[in-house]
Amino acid sequence: MSERDDWKLRKIELEFNAYGKNKGQYTGSIRFQNGDFESFQFKIRPDMAQAYIDIIADDIVRGAESLGERLLVSLGLKESPPVNTTVD
C-alpha cells in the first residue's frame, strides 16, 4: 500500500458548546491524514456526538477516578496503596 492510500485517524475532537448555535450540545470533528500529508475532515454534529461519548464514557470515568486517587495521595490526604512486593 502506498503512503497516498494509507489513511490514518489523525485527530478526533469533541467539545461542549457553552454558547452559540449549538449551546448546551457537543460538537466536534474527525480528521484523517495519509502519508503524503493529504487530509480530510468530518464534522461531528450534535445528533452524532452522543454515540462517540457512549463509546468512551467508561474509560473517562476510570481515568477520572484514577486521577482523583493519585491527587489525594500526592496531597497527603490519603495513604498510597501498598505495593505488591511478592514475586511469583
C-alpha atoms as a PDB file:
ATOM      1  CA  MET A   1       0.000   0.000   0.000  1.00  0.00           C
ATOM      2  CA  SER A   2       1.392   3.377  -0.946  1.00  0.00           C
ATOM      3  CA  GLU A   3       1.624   6.253   1.541  1.00  0.00           C
ATOM      4  CA  ARG A   4      -1.021   8.028  -0.504  1.00  0.00           C
ATOM      5  CA  ASP A   5      -3.514   5.219   0.231  1.00  0.00           C
ATOM      6  CA  ASP A   6      -2.532   4.685   3.882  1.00  0.00           C
ATOM      7  CA  TRP A   7      -5.091   6.850   5.709  1.00  0.00           C
ATOM      8  CA  LYS A   8      -4.862   7.129   9.482  1.00  0.00           C
ATOM      9  CA  LEU A   9      -7.050   8.796  12.055  1.00  0.00           C
ATOM     10  CA  ARG A  10      -5.118  11.954  12.899  1.00  0.00           C
ATOM     11  CA  LYS A  11      -7.439  13.654  15.350  1.00  0.00           C
ATOM     12  CA  ILE A  12     -10.836  13.287  16.955  1.00  0.00           C
ATOM     13  CA  GLU A  13     -12.201  16.196  18.935  1.00  0.00           C
ATOM     14  CA  LEU A  14     -15.409  16.661  20.925  1.00  0.00           C
ATOM     15  CA  GLU A  15     -16.307  19.774  22.846  1.00  0.00           C
ATOM     16  CA  PHE A  16     -19.229  21.111  24.830  1.00  0.00           C
ATOM     17  CA  ASN A  17     -20.615  24.334  23.424  1.00  0.00           C
ATOM     18  CA  ALA A  18     -21.306  26.895  26.163  1.00  0.00           C
ATOM     19  CA  TYR A  19     -22.767  29.452  23.762  1.00  0.00           C
ATOM     20  CA  GLY A  20     -23.780  29.934  20.146  1.00  0.00           C
ATOM     21  CA  LYS A  21     -25.971  27.950  17.786  1.00  0.00           C
ATOM     22  CA  ASN A  22     -25.209  24.609  19.472  1.00  0.00           C
ATOM     23  CA  LYS A  23     -25.262  25.894  23.068  1.00  0.00           C
ATOM     24  CA  GLY A  24     -25.623  23.035  25.553  1.00  0.00           C
ATOM     25  CA  GLN A  25     -24.611  20.400  22.995  1.00  0.00           C
ATOM     26  CA  TYR A  26     -21.461  18.562  21.989  1.00  0.00           C
ATOM     27  CA  THR A  27     -19.925  19.028  18.556  1.00  0.00           C
ATOM     28  CA  GLY A  28     -16.545  18.195  17.088  1.00  0.00           C
ATOM     29  CA  SER A  29     -14.557  16.868  14.187  1.00  0.00           C
ATOM     30  CA  ILE A  30     -12.659  13.830  12.953  1.00  0.00           C
ATOM     31  CA  ARG A  31      -9.608  14.250  10.721  1.00  0.00           C
ATOM     32  CA  PHE A  32      -7.749  11.639   8.671  1.00  0.00           C
ATOM     33  CA  GLN A  33      -4.357  12.053   7.025  1.00  0.00           C
ATOM     34  CA  ASN A  34      -2.270   9.924   4.685  1.00  0.00           C
ATOM     35  CA  GLY A  35       1.489   9.520   4.276  1.00  0.00           C
ATOM     36  CA  ASP A  36       1.580  12.337   1.714  1.00  0.00           C
ATOM     37  CA  PHE A  37       0.059  14.681   4.333  1.00  0.00           C
ATOM     38  CA  GLU A  38      -3.210  14.954   2.443  1.00  0.00           C
ATOM     39  CA  SER A  39      -6.140  15.127   4.818  1.00  0.00           C
ATOM     40  CA  PHE A  40      -9.897  15.324   5.052  1.00  0.00           C
ATOM     41  CA  GLN A  41     -12.175  16.156   7.928  1.00  0.00           C
ATOM     42  CA  PHE A  42     -15.733  15.367   9.016  1.00  0.00           C
ATOM     43  CA  LYS A  43     -17.821  17.439  11.386  1.00  0.00           C
ATOM     44  CA  ILE A  44     -19.460  15.717  14.338  1.00  0.00           C
ATOM     45  CA  ARG A  45     -22.937  17.178  14.609  1.00  0.00           C
ATOM     46  CA  PRO A  46     -24.772  17.349  17.950  1.00  0.00           C
ATOM     47  CA  ASP A  47     -27.002  14.439  16.915  1.00  0.00           C
ATOM     48  CA  MET A  48     -23.894  12.288  16.273  1.00  0.00           C
ATOM     49  CA  ALA A  49     -21.841  13.273  19.349  1.00  0.00           C
ATOM     50  CA  GLN A  50     -23.638  11.071  21.888  1.00  0.00           C
ATOM     51  CA  ALA A  51     -22.581   7.888  20.082  1.00  0.00           C
ATOM     52  CA  TYR A  52     -18.904   8.857  20.491  1.00  0.00           C
ATOM     53  CA  ILE A  53     -19.414   9.810  24.136  1.00  0.00           C
ATOM     54  CA  ASP A  54     -21.089   6.459  24.818  1.00  0.00           C
ATOM     55  CA  ILE A  55     -18.043   4.642  23.409  1.00  0.00           C
ATOM     56  CA  ILE A  56     -15.559   6.436  25.675  1.00  0.00           C
ATOM     57  CA  ALA A  57     -17.710   7.043  28.791  1.00  0.00           C
ATOM     58  CA  ASP A  58     -16.410   4.092  30.864  1.00  0.00           C
ATOM     59  CA  ASP A  59     -12.783   4.995  30.124  1.00  0.00           C
ATOM     60  CA  ILE A  60     -13.428   8.621  31.089  1.00  0.00           C
ATOM     61  CA  VAL A  61     -14.835   7.524  34.459  1.00  0.00           C
ATOM     62  CA  ARG A  62     -11.912   5.136  35.124  1.00  0.00           C
ATOM     63  CA  GLY A  63      -9.406   7.831  34.191  1.00  0.00           C
ATOM     64  CA  ALA A  64     -11.086  10.418  36.420  1.00  0.00           C
ATOM     65  CA  GLU A  65     -11.198   8.000  39.367  1.00  0.00           C
ATOM     66  CA  SER A  66      -7.518   7.125  38.920  1.00  0.00           C
ATOM     67  CA  LEU A  67      -6.542  10.779  38.673  1.00  0.00           C
ATOM     68  CA  GLY A  68      -8.570  11.591  41.792  1.00  0.00           C
ATOM     69  CA  GLU A  69      -6.871   8.817  43.777  1.00  0.00           C
ATOM     70  CA  ARG A  70      -3.391   9.940  42.708  1.00  0.00           C
ATOM     71  CA  LEU A  71      -4.225  13.546  43.546  1.00  0.00           C
ATOM     72  CA  LEU A  72      -5.407  12.607  47.051  1.00  0.00           C
ATOM     73  CA  VAL A  73      -2.201  10.615  47.639  1.00  0.00           C
ATOM     74  CA  SER A  74       0.029  13.408  46.316  1.00  0.00           C
ATOM     75  CA  LEU A  75      -1.689  15.949  48.589  1.00  0.00           C
ATOM     76  CA  GLY A  76      -1.208  13.648  51.583  1.00  0.00           C
ATOM     77  CA  LEU A  77      -4.946  13.254  52.084  1.00  0.00           C
ATOM     78  CA  LYS A  78      -4.864   9.516  51.537  1.00  0.00           C
ATOM     79  CA  GLU A  79      -2.239   6.824  52.014  1.00  0.00           C
ATOM     80  CA  SER A  80      -0.680   5.280  48.975  1.00  0.00           C
ATOM     81  CA  PRO A  81      -1.903   1.712  48.359  1.00  0.00           C
ATOM     82  CA  PRO A  82       0.647  -0.940  49.335  1.00  0.00           C
ATOM     83  CA  VAL A  83       2.954  -2.102  46.577  1.00  0.00           C
ATOM     84  CA  ASN A  84       2.914  -5.815  45.838  1.00  0.00           C
ATOM     85  CA  THR A  85       6.498  -6.964  46.526  1.00  0.00           C
ATOM     86  CA  THR A  86       5.973 -10.709  46.218  1.00  0.00           C
ATOM     87  CA  VAL A  87       7.488 -12.433  43.233  1.00  0.00           C
ATOM     88  CA  ASP A  88       5.567 -15.304  41.678  1.00  0.00           C
END
